[in-house]
Amino acid sequence: MYSGQPQPPQQQSYNMQPPQQQSYNMQPPQPSPPKTPAQIGDEYRSALYAQCAAGVHEPTTKFGVCGIITAVVCFPIGLICLFIDTEKKCNRCGIKLG
């Protein structure tokens, strides 16, 4: 009911008691068993393949036999054949690069 006078704000009561702890039957975390060399190697290989999947390859260039022979026999002009007869591959995953 409205009496024309402002009413004082209502105070809210808060429960200031600390929360009660529930007792759980918790066991301490057990240490993981040591990794075998095969598991470590598998993780390492997966990390390397992940780099290749991200486009970070490890390129190697191999020259063909025909290009090497032509470069030796026809020395100055044969170098052109040597650089044409190349193959770039990723050393890790084996994919041919441009």
PDB file of N, CA and C in Angstrom:
ATOM      1  N   MET A   1       0.813  -1.156   0.000  1.00  0.00           N
ATOM      2  CA  MET A   1       0.000   0.000   0.000  1.00  0.00           C
ATOM      3  C   MET A   1       0.868   1.235   0.000  1.00  0.00           C
ATOM      4  N   TYR A   2       0.369   2.141  -0.704  1.00  0.00           N
ATOM      5  CA  TYR A   2       1.158   3.336  -0.921  1.00  0.00           C
ATOM      6  C   TYR A   2       0.705   4.418   0.045  1.00  0.00           C
ATOM      7  N   SER A   3       1.633   4.884   0.867  1.00  0.00           N
ATOM      8  CA  SER A   3       1.269   5.893   1.864  1.00  0.00           C
ATOM      9  C   SER A   3       1.825   7.257   1.500  1.00  0.00           C
ATOM     10  N   GLY A   4       2.537   7.387   0.389  1.00  0.00           N
ATOM     11  CA  GLY A   4       3.058   8.673  -0.014  1.00  0.00           C
ATOM     12  C   GLY A   4       4.473   8.898   0.485  1.00  0.00           C
ATOM     13  N   GLN A   5       4.915   8.137   1.425  1.00  0.00           N
ATOM     14  CA  GLN A   5       6.272   8.284   1.933  1.00  0.00           C
ATOM     15  C   GLN A   5       7.149   7.189   1.323  1.00  0.00           C
ATOM     16  N   PRO A   6       8.384   7.554   0.994  1.00  0.00           N
ATOM     17  CA  PRO A   6       9.273   6.522   0.443  1.00  0.00           C
ATOM     18  C   PRO A   6       9.633   5.501   1.510  1.00  0.00           C
ATOM     19  N   GLN A   7       9.617   4.284   1.108  1.00  0.00           N
ATOM     20  CA  GLN A   7       9.952   3.223   2.045  1.00  0.00           C
ATOM     21  C   GLN A   7      11.450   2.941   1.969  1.00  0.00           C
ATOM     22  N   PRO A   8      12.030   2.574   3.115  1.00  0.00           N
ATOM     23  CA  PRO A   8      13.462   2.266   3.092  1.00  0.00           C
ATOM     24  C   PRO A   8      13.700   1.001   2.258  1.00  0.00           C
ATOM     25  N   PRO A   9      14.851   0.936   1.594  1.00  0.00           N
ATOM     26  CA  PRO A   9      15.125  -0.251   0.770  1.00  0.00           C
ATOM     27  C   PRO A   9      15.191  -1.496   1.640  1.00  0.00           C
ATOM     28  N   GLN A  10      14.732  -2.580   1.066  1.00  0.00           N
ATOM     29  CA  GLN A  10      14.751  -3.838   1.811  1.00  0.00           C
ATOM     30  C   GLN A  10      16.157  -4.412   1.784  1.00  0.00           C
ATOM     31  N   GLN A  11      16.564  -4.906   2.911  1.00  0.00           N
ATOM     32  CA  GLN A  11      17.892  -5.485   3.006  1.00  0.00           C
ATOM     33  C   GLN A  11      17.804  -6.969   2.703  1.00  0.00           C
ATOM     34  N   GLN A  12      18.791  -7.435   1.921  1.00  0.00           N
ATOM     35  CA  GLN A  12      18.842  -8.842   1.607  1.00  0.00           C
ATOM     36  C   GLN A  12      19.805  -9.513   2.571  1.00  0.00           C
ATOM     37  N   SER A  13      19.421 -10.650   3.019  1.00  0.00           N
ATOM     38  CA  SER A  13      20.306 -11.370   3.941  1.00  0.00           C
ATOM     39  C   SER A  13      21.056 -12.445   3.158  1.00  0.00           C
ATOM     40  N   TYR A  14      22.333 -12.508   3.361  1.00  0.00           N
ATOM     41  CA  TYR A  14      23.186 -13.489   2.701  1.00  0.00           C
ATOM     42  C   TYR A  14      23.685 -14.483   3.716  1.00  0.00           C
ATOM     43  N   ASN A  15      23.786 -15.703   3.312  1.00  0.00           N
ATOM     44  CA  ASN A  15      24.313 -16.746   4.176  1.00  0.00           C
ATOM     45  C   ASN A  15      25.832 -16.676   4.114  1.00  0.00           C
ATOM     46  N   MET A  16      26.466 -16.218   5.181  1.00  0.00           N
ATOM     47  CA  MET A  16      27.912 -16.011   5.192  1.00  0.00           C
ATOM     48  C   MET A  16      28.669 -17.216   5.745  1.00  0.00           C
ATOM     49  N   GLN A  17      28.055 -18.340   5.824  1.00  0.00           N
ATOM     50  CA  GLN A  17      28.750 -19.517   6.322  1.00  0.00           C
ATOM     51  C   GLN A  17      29.550 -20.132   5.180  1.00  0.00           C
ATOM     52  N   PRO A  18      30.763 -20.620   5.481  1.00  0.00           N
ATOM     53  CA  PRO A  18      31.561 -21.242   4.423  1.00  0.00           C
ATOM     54  C   PRO A  18      30.876 -22.526   3.951  1.00  0.00           C
ATOM     55  N   PRO A  19      31.025 -22.841   2.693  1.00  0.00           N
ATOM     56  CA  PRO A  19      30.382 -24.061   2.197  1.00  0.00           C
ATOM     57  C   PRO A  19      30.977 -25.293   2.877  1.00  0.00           C
ATOM     58  N   GLN A  20      30.130 -26.213   3.137  1.00  0.00           N
ATOM     59  CA  GLN A  20      30.596 -27.427   3.800  1.00  0.00           C
ATOM     60  C   GLN A  20      31.270 -28.323   2.770  1.00  0.00           C
ATOM     61  N   GLN A  21      32.392 -28.858   3.180  1.00  0.00           N
ATOM     62  CA  GLN A  21      33.139 -29.715   2.268  1.00  0.00           C
ATOM     63  C   GLN A  21      32.586 -31.125   2.355  1.00  0.00           C
ATOM     64  N   GLN A  22      32.402 -31.680   1.187  1.00  0.00           N
ATOM     65  CA  GLN A  22      31.947 -33.053   1.137  1.00  0.00           C
ATOM     66  C   GLN A  22      33.174 -33.944   1.084  1.00  0.00           C
ATOM     67  N   SER A  23      33.086 -35.017   1.768  1.00  0.00           N
ATOM     68  CA  SER A  23      34.242 -35.915   1.780  1.00  0.00           C
ATOM     69  C   SER A  23      34.119 -36.894   0.613  1.00  0.00           C
ATOM     70  N   TYR A  24      35.103 -36.854  -0.232  1.00  0.00           N
ATOM     71  CA  TYR A  24      35.173 -37.769  -1.364  1.00  0.00           C
ATOM     72  C   TYR A  24      36.304 -38.752  -1.111  1.00  0.00           C
ATOM     73  N   ASN A  25      36.137 -39.897  -1.590  1.00  0.00           N
ATOM     74  CA  ASN A  25      37.191 -40.897  -1.463  1.00  0.00           C
ATOM     75  C   ASN A  25      38.072 -40.770  -2.707  1.00  0.00           C
ATOM     76  N   MET A  26      38.939 -39.762  -2.699  1.00  0.00           N
ATOM     77  CA  MET A  26      39.789 -39.500  -3.858  1.00  0.00           C
ATOM     78  C   MET A  26      41.151 -40.132  -3.650  1.00  0.00           C
ATOM     79  N   GLN A  27      41.611 -40.777  -4.696  1.00  0.00           N
ATOM     80  CA  GLN A  27      42.947 -41.358  -4.658  1.00  0.00           C
ATOM     81  C   GLN A  27      43.885 -40.413  -5.377  1.00  0.00           C
ATOM     82  N   PRO A  28      45.123 -40.357  -4.952  1.00  0.00           N
ATOM     83  CA  PRO A  28      46.072 -39.481  -5.642  1.00  0.00           C
ATOM     84  C   PRO A  28      46.286 -39.991  -7.068  1.00  0.00           C
ATOM     85  N   PRO A  29      46.547 -39.067  -8.011  1.00  0.00           N
ATOM     86  CA  PRO A  29      46.750 -39.509  -9.399  1.00  0.00           C
ATOM     87  C   PRO A  29      47.967 -40.409  -9.501  1.00  0.00           C
ATOM     88  N   GLN A  30      47.786 -41.476 -10.241  1.00  0.00           N
ATOM     89  CA  GLN A  30      48.886 -42.424 -10.374  1.00  0.00           C
ATOM     90  C   GLN A  30      49.765 -41.986 -11.536  1.00  0.00           C
ATOM     91  N   PRO A  31      51.069 -42.102 -11.384  1.00  0.00           N
ATOM     92  CA  PRO A  31      51.962 -41.690 -12.463  1.00  0.00           C
ATOM     93  C   PRO A  31      51.796 -42.615 -13.673  1.00  0.00           C
ATOM     94  N   SER A  32      51.910 -42.012 -14.848  1.00  0.00           N
ATOM     95  CA  SER A  32      51.766 -42.814 -16.056  1.00  0.00           C
ATOM     96  C   SER A  32      53.010 -43.685 -16.228  1.00  0.00           C
ATOM     97  N   PRO A  33      52.834 -44.849 -16.786  1.00  0.00           N
ATOM     98  CA  PRO A  33      53.988 -45.725 -16.967  1.00  0.00           C
ATOM     99  C   PRO A  33      54.951 -45.104 -17.970  1.00  0.00           C
ATOM    100  N   PRO A  34      56.233 -45.405 -17.855  1.00  0.00           N
ATOM    101  CA  PRO A  34      57.206 -44.825 -18.788  1.00  0.00           C
ATOM    102  C   PRO A  34      56.928 -45.292 -20.211  1.00  0.00           C
ATOM    103  N   LYS A  35      57.201 -44.418 -21.157  1.00  0.00           N
ATOM    104  CA  LYS A  35      56.930 -44.729 -22.552  1.00  0.00           C
ATOM    105  C   LYS A  35      58.029 -45.628 -23.113  1.00  0.00           C
ATOM    106  N   THR A  36      57.610 -46.524 -23.958  1.00  0.00           N
ATOM    107  CA  THR A  36      58.575 -47.407 -24.605  1.00  0.00           C
ATOM    108  C   THR A  36      59.231 -46.644 -25.749  1.00  0.00           C
ATOM    109  N   PRO A  37      60.394 -47.091 -26.189  1.00  0.00           N
ATOM    110  CA  PRO A  37      61.040 -46.420 -27.330  1.00  0.00           C
ATOM    111  C   PRO A  37      60.168 -46.415 -28.583  1.00  0.00           C
ATOM    112  N   ALA A  38      59.345 -47.439 -28.761  1.00  0.00           N
ATOM    113  CA  ALA A  38      58.461 -47.476 -29.926  1.00  0.00           C
ATOM    114  C   ALA A  38      57.406 -46.369 -29.835  1.00  0.00           C
ATOM    115  N   GLN A  39      56.872 -46.111 -28.644  1.00  0.00           N
ATOM    116  CA  GLN A  39      55.885 -45.047 -28.472  1.00  0.00           C
ATOM    117  C   GLN A  39      56.519 -43.678 -28.696  1.00  0.00           C
ATOM    118  N   ILE A  40      57.733 -43.496 -28.202  1.00  0.00           N
ATOM    119  CA  ILE A  40      58.433 -42.220 -28.377  1.00  0.00           C
ATOM    120  C   ILE A  40      58.707 -41.988 -29.859  1.00  0.00           C
ATOM    121  N   GLY A  41      59.142 -43.030 -30.550  1.00  0.00           N
ATOM    122  CA  GLY A  41      59.406 -42.914 -31.981  1.00  0.00           C
ATOM    123  C   GLY A  41      58.153 -42.618 -32.772  1.00  0.00           C
ATOM    124  N   ASP A  42      57.042 -43.225 -32.382  1.00  0.00           N
ATOM    125  CA  ASP A  42      55.783 -42.990 -33.070  1.00  0.00           C
ATOM    126  C   ASP A  42      55.322 -41.545 -32.889  1.00  0.00           C
ATOM    127  N   GLU A  43      55.477 -40.992 -31.693  1.00  0.00           N
ATOM    128  CA  GLU A  43      55.112 -39.597 -31.443  1.00  0.00           C
ATOM    129  C   GLU A  43      55.997 -38.657 -32.259  1.00  0.00           C
ATOM    130  N   TYR A  44      57.282 -38.980 -32.354  1.00  0.00           N
ATOM    131  CA  TYR A  44      58.219 -38.154 -33.122  1.00  0.00           C
ATOM    132  C   TYR A  44      57.848 -38.168 -34.607  1.00  0.00           C
ATOM    133  N   ARG A  45      57.539 -39.348 -35.133  1.00  0.00           N
ATOM    134  CA  ARG A  45      57.162 -39.473 -36.540  1.00  0.00           C
ATOM    135  C   ARG A  45      55.855 -38.723 -36.803  1.00  0.00           C
ATOM    136  N   SER A  46      54.912 -38.812 -35.885  1.00  0.00           N
ATOM    137  CA  SER A  46      53.639 -38.094 -36.045  1.00  0.00           C
ATOM    138  C   SER A  46      53.865 -36.583 -36.071  1.00  0.00           C
ATOM    139  N   ALA A  47      54.791 -36.105 -35.238  1.00  0.00           N
ATOM    140  CA  ALA A  47      55.087 -34.671 -35.224  1.00  0.00           C
ATOM    141  C   ALA A  47      55.719 -34.234 -36.546  1.00  0.00           C
ATOM    142  N   LEU A  48      56.580 -35.064 -37.113  1.00  0.00           N
ATOM    143  CA  LEU A  48      57.199 -34.720 -38.389  1.00  0.00           C
ATOM    144  C   LEU A  48      56.171 -34.725 -39.516  1.00  0.00           C
ATOM    145  N   TYR A  49      55.294 -35.723 -39.526  1.00  0.00           N
ATOM    146  CA  TYR A  49      54.258 -35.772 -40.559  1.00  0.00           C
ATOM    147  C   TYR A  49      53.270 -34.614 -40.397  1.00  0.00           C
ATOM    148  N   ALA A  50      53.071 -34.161 -39.169  1.00  0.00           N
ATOM    149  CA  ALA A  50      52.194 -33.010 -38.951  1.00  0.00           C
ATOM    150  C   ALA A  50      52.798 -31.758 -39.576  1.00  0.00           C
ATOM    151  N   GLN A  51      54.123 -31.637 -39.540  1.00  0.00           N
ATOM    152  CA  GLN A  51      54.776 -30.508 -40.198  1.00  0.00           C
ATOM    153  C   GLN A  51      54.562 -30.579 -41.703  1.00  0.00           C
ATOM    154  N   CYS A  52      54.683 -31.769 -42.280  1.00  0.00           N
ATOM    155  CA  CYS A  52      54.454 -31.929 -43.720  1.00  0.00           C
ATOM    156  C   CYS A  52      53.000 -31.610 -44.064  1.00  0.00           C
ATOM    157  N   ALA A  53      52.078 -32.002 -43.216  1.00  0.00           N
ATOM    158  CA  ALA A  53      50.664 -31.708 -43.469  1.00  0.00           C
ATOM    159  C   ALA A  53      50.402 -30.202 -43.425  1.00  0.00           C
ATOM    160  N   ALA A  54      51.206 -29.481 -42.637  1.00  0.00           N
ATOM    161  CA  ALA A  54      51.068 -28.029 -42.555  1.00  0.00           C
ATOM    162  C   ALA A  54      51.791 -27.323 -43.699  1.00  0.00           C
ATOM    163  N   GLY A  55      52.492 -28.089 -44.547  1.00  0.00           N
ATOM    164  CA  GLY A  55      53.175 -27.499 -45.697  1.00  0.00           C
ATOM    165  C   GLY A  55      54.632 -27.180 -45.466  1.00  0.00           C
ATOM    166  N   VAL A  56      55.180 -27.585 -44.324  1.00  0.00           N
ATOM    167  CA  VAL A  56      56.587 -27.352 -44.034  1.00  0.00           C
ATOM    168  C   VAL A  56      57.342 -28.636 -44.374  1.00  0.00           C
ATOM    169  N   HIS A  57      57.820 -28.713 -45.620  1.00  0.00           N
ATOM    170  CA  HIS A  57      58.495 -29.919 -46.082  1.00  0.00           C
ATOM    171  C   HIS A  57      60.004 -29.773 -45.935  1.00  0.00           C
ATOM    172  N   GLU A  58      60.690 -30.877 -46.057  1.00  0.00           N
ATOM    173  CA  GLU A  58      62.147 -30.904 -46.039  1.00  0.00           C
ATOM    174  C   GLU A  58      62.603 -31.328 -47.438  1.00  0.00           C
ATOM    175  N   PRO A  59      62.802 -30.345 -48.334  1.00  0.00           N
ATOM    176  CA  PRO A  59      63.062 -30.690 -49.727  1.00  0.00           C
ATOM    177  C   PRO A  59      64.483 -31.209 -49.955  1.00  0.00           C
ATOM    178  N   THR A  60      64.602 -32.179 -50.845  1.00  0.00           N
ATOM    179  CA  THR A  60      65.893 -32.658 -51.328  1.00  0.00           C
ATOM    180  C   THR A  60      65.819 -32.699 -52.850  1.00  0.00           C
ATOM    181  N   THR A  61      66.929 -32.404 -53.471  1.00  0.00           N
ATOM    182  CA  THR A  61      66.989 -32.387 -54.927  1.00  0.00           C
ATOM    183  C   THR A  61      67.867 -33.539 -55.381  1.00  0.00           C
ATOM    184  N   LYS A  62      67.338 -34.324 -56.313  1.00  0.00           N
ATOM    185  CA  LYS A  62      68.108 -35.426 -56.897  1.00  0.00           C
ATOM    186  C   LYS A  62      68.229 -35.167 -58.393  1.00  0.00           C
ATOM    187  N   PHE A  63      69.442 -35.371 -58.909  1.00  0.00           N
ATOM    188  CA  PHE A  63      69.699 -35.186 -60.320  1.00  0.00           C
ATOM    189  C   PHE A  63      69.626 -36.528 -61.019  1.00  0.00           C
ATOM    190  N   GLY A  64      69.055 -36.533 -62.225  1.00  0.00           N
ATOM    191  CA  GLY A  64      68.923 -37.753 -62.999  1.00  0.00           C
ATOM    192  C   GLY A  64      70.235 -38.152 -63.653  1.00  0.00           C
ATOM    193  N   VAL A  65      70.362 -39.422 -63.973  1.00  0.00           N
ATOM    194  CA  VAL A  65      71.578 -39.960 -64.577  1.00  0.00           C
ATOM    195  C   VAL A  65      71.810 -39.316 -65.942  1.00  0.00           C
ATOM    196  N   CYS A  66      70.764 -39.170 -66.723  1.00  0.00           N
ATOM    197  CA  CYS A  66      70.881 -38.581 -68.061  1.00  0.00           C
ATOM    198  C   CYS A  66      71.406 -37.145 -67.971  1.00  0.00           C
ATOM    199  N   GLY A  67      70.907 -36.372 -67.016  1.00  0.00           N
ATOM    200  CA  GLY A  67      71.374 -34.993 -66.851  1.00  0.00           C
ATOM    201  C   GLY A  67      72.823 -34.926 -66.431  1.00  0.00           C
ATOM    202  N   ILE A  68      73.270 -35.827 -65.577  1.00  0.00           N
ATOM    203  CA  ILE A  68      74.660 -35.841 -65.124  1.00  0.00           C
ATOM    204  C   ILE A  68      75.588 -36.182 -66.293  1.00  0.00           C
ATOM    205  N   ILE A  69      75.230 -37.198 -67.071  1.00  0.00           N
ATOM    206  CA  ILE A  69      76.072 -37.610 -68.201  1.00  0.00           C
ATOM    207  C   ILE A  69      76.137 -36.494 -69.243  1.00  0.00           C
ATOM    208  N   THR A  70      75.022 -35.878 -69.537  1.00  0.00           N
ATOM    209  CA  THR A  70      75.000 -34.786 -70.511  1.00  0.00           C
ATOM    210  C   THR A  70      75.808 -33.594 -70.005  1.00  0.00           C
ATOM    211  N   ALA A  71      75.763 -33.308 -68.718  1.00  0.00           N
ATOM    212  CA  ALA A  71      76.526 -32.194 -68.154  1.00  0.00           C
ATOM    213  C   ALA A  71      78.025 -32.445 -68.270  1.00  0.00           C
ATOM    214  N   VAL A  72      78.465 -33.688 -68.137  1.00  0.00           N
ATOM    215  CA  VAL A  72      79.893 -33.999 -68.226  1.00  0.00           C
ATOM    216  C   VAL A  72      80.351 -33.992 -69.687  1.00  0.00           C
ATOM    217  N   VAL A  73      79.582 -34.618 -70.565  1.00  0.00           N
ATOM    218  CA  VAL A  73      79.992 -34.748 -71.965  1.00  0.00           C
ATOM    219  C   VAL A  73      79.928 -33.396 -72.686  1.00  0.00           C
ATOM    220  N   CYS A  74      78.839 -32.692 -72.528  1.00  0.00           N
ATOM    221  CA  CYS A  74      78.649 -31.394 -73.197  1.00  0.00           C
ATOM    222  C   CYS A  74      78.724 -30.292 -72.150  1.00  0.00           C
ATOM    223  N   PHE A  75      79.923 -30.079 -71.610  1.00  0.00           N
ATOM    224  CA  PHE A  75      80.068 -29.299 -70.387  1.00  0.00           C
ATOM    225  C   PHE A  75      79.317 -27.976 -70.339  1.00  0.00           C
ATOM    226  N   PRO A  76      79.585 -26.996 -71.098  1.00  0.00           N
ATOM    227  CA  PRO A  76      78.886 -25.746 -70.773  1.00  0.00           C
ATOM    228  C   PRO A  76      77.385 -25.822 -71.046  1.00  0.00           C
ATOM    229  N   ILE A  77      76.993 -26.441 -72.135  1.00  0.00           N
ATOM    230  CA  ILE A  77      75.585 -26.514 -72.478  1.00  0.00           C
ATOM    231  C   ILE A  77      74.889 -27.640 -71.709  1.00  0.00           C
ATOM    232  N   GLY A  78      75.642 -28.648 -71.315  1.00  0.00           N
ATOM    233  CA  GLY A  78      75.067 -29.793 -70.616  1.00  0.00           C
ATOM    234  C   GLY A  78      74.523 -29.464 -69.235  1.00  0.00           C
ATOM    235  N   LEU A  79      74.965 -28.345 -68.665  1.00  0.00           N
ATOM    236  CA  LEU A  79      74.447 -27.939 -67.348  1.00  0.00           C
ATOM    237  C   LEU A  79      72.960 -27.616 -67.412  1.00  0.00           C
ATOM    238  N   ILE A  80      72.531 -27.140 -68.573  1.00  0.00           N
ATOM    239  CA  ILE A  80      71.100 -26.868 -68.727  1.00  0.00           C
ATOM    240  C   ILE A  80      70.321 -28.170 -68.598  1.00  0.00           C
ATOM    241  N   CYS A  81      70.822 -29.225 -69.242  1.00  0.00           N
ATOM    242  CA  CYS A  81      70.158 -30.532 -69.137  1.00  0.00           C
ATOM    243  C   CYS A  81      70.189 -31.050 -67.701  1.00  0.00           C
ATOM    244  N   LEU A  82      71.279 -30.783 -66.996  1.00  0.00           N
ATOM    245  CA  LEU A  82      71.391 -31.239 -65.607  1.00  0.00           C
ATOM    246  C   LEU A  82      70.309 -30.606 -64.744  1.00  0.00           C
ATOM    247  N   PHE A  83      70.101 -29.307 -64.907  1.00  0.00           N
ATOM    248  CA  PHE A  83      69.119 -28.627 -64.064  1.00  0.00           C
ATOM    249  C   PHE A  83      67.684 -28.897 -64.500  1.00  0.00           C
ATOM    250  N   ILE A  84      67.506 -29.317 -65.740  1.00  0.00           N
ATOM    251  CA  ILE A  84      66.165 -29.711 -66.185  1.00  0.00           C
ATOM    252  C   ILE A  84      65.818 -31.101 -65.646  1.00  0.00           C
ATOM    253  N   ASP A  85      66.832 -31.972 -65.565  1.00  0.00           N
ATOM    254  CA  ASP A  85      66.617 -33.357 -65.139  1.00  0.00           C
ATOM    255  C   ASP A  85      66.771 -33.469 -63.617  1.00  0.00           C
ATOM    256  N   THR A  86      65.961 -32.720 -62.874  1.00  0.00           N
ATOM    257  CA  THR A  86      66.004 -32.780 -61.409  1.00  0.00           C
ATOM    258  C   THR A  86      64.659 -33.217 -60.877  1.00  0.00           C
ATOM    259  N   GLU A  87      64.694 -33.714 -59.665  1.00  0.00           N
ATOM    260  CA  GLU A  87      63.465 -34.125 -58.995  1.00  0.00           C
ATOM    261  C   GLU A  87      63.544 -33.660 -57.547  1.00  0.00           C
ATOM    262  N   LYS A  88      62.585 -32.846 -57.134  1.00  0.00           N
ATOM    263  CA  LYS A  88      62.527 -32.376 -55.744  1.00  0.00           C
ATOM    264  C   LYS A  88      61.482 -33.191 -55.005  1.00  0.00           C
ATOM    265  N   LYS A  89      61.901 -33.777 -53.898  1.00  0.00           N
ATOM    266  CA  LYS A  89      61.000 -34.570 -53.054  1.00  0.00           C
ATOM    267  C   LYS A  89      61.185 -34.146 -51.613  1.00  0.00           C
ATOM    268  N   CYS A  90      60.133 -34.379 -50.837  1.00  0.00           N
ATOM    269  CA  CYS A  90      60.244 -34.164 -49.390  1.00  0.00           C
ATOM    270  C   CYS A  90      60.945 -35.365 -48.795  1.00  0.00           C
ATOM    271  N   ASN A  91      61.923 -35.096 -47.974  1.00  0.00           N
ATOM    272  CA  ASN A  91      62.708 -36.168 -47.368  1.00  0.00           C
ATOM    273  C   ASN A  91      61.894 -36.973 -46.349  1.00  0.00           C
ATOM    274  N   ARG A  92      60.883 -36.349 -45.738  1.00  0.00           N
ATOM    275  CA  ARG A  92      60.088 -37.028 -44.707  1.00  0.00           C
ATOM    276  C   ARG A  92      58.952 -37.836 -45.277  1.00  0.00           C
ATOM    277  N   CYS A  93      58.113 -37.185 -46.093  1.00  0.00           N
ATOM    278  CA  CYS A  93      56.890 -37.861 -46.525  1.00  0.00           C
ATOM    279  C   CYS A  93      56.988 -38.408 -47.949  1.00  0.00           C
ATOM    280  N   GLY A  94      57.991 -37.998 -48.721  1.00  0.00           N
ATOM    281  CA  GLY A  94      58.202 -38.554 -50.043  1.00  0.00           C
ATOM    282  C   GLY A  94      57.369 -37.936 -51.143  1.00  0.00           C
ATOM    283  N   ILE A  95      56.644 -36.869 -50.873  1.00  0.00           N
ATOM    284  CA  ILE A  95      55.812 -36.240 -51.898  1.00  0.00           C
ATOM    285  C   ILE A  95      56.697 -35.437 -52.846  1.00  0.00           C
ATOM    286  N   LYS A  96      56.329 -35.418 -54.129  1.00  0.00           N
ATOM    287  CA  LYS A  96      57.073 -34.638 -55.108  1.00  0.00           C
ATOM    288  C   LYS A  96      56.696 -33.169 -54.972  1.00  0.00           C
ATOM    289  N   LEU A  97      57.701 -32.320 -54.900  1.00  0.00           N
ATOM    290  CA  LEU A  97      57.481 -30.879 -54.793  1.00  0.00           C
ATOM    291  C   LEU A  97      57.713 -30.249 -56.155  1.00  0.00           C
ATOM    292  N   GLY A  98      57.078 -29.115 -56.409  1.00  0.00           N
ATOM    293  CA  GLY A  98      57.144 -28.416 -57.688  1.00  0.00           C
ATOM    294  C   GLY A  98      58.464 -28.267 -58.233  1.00  0.00           C
TER     295      GLY A  98
END
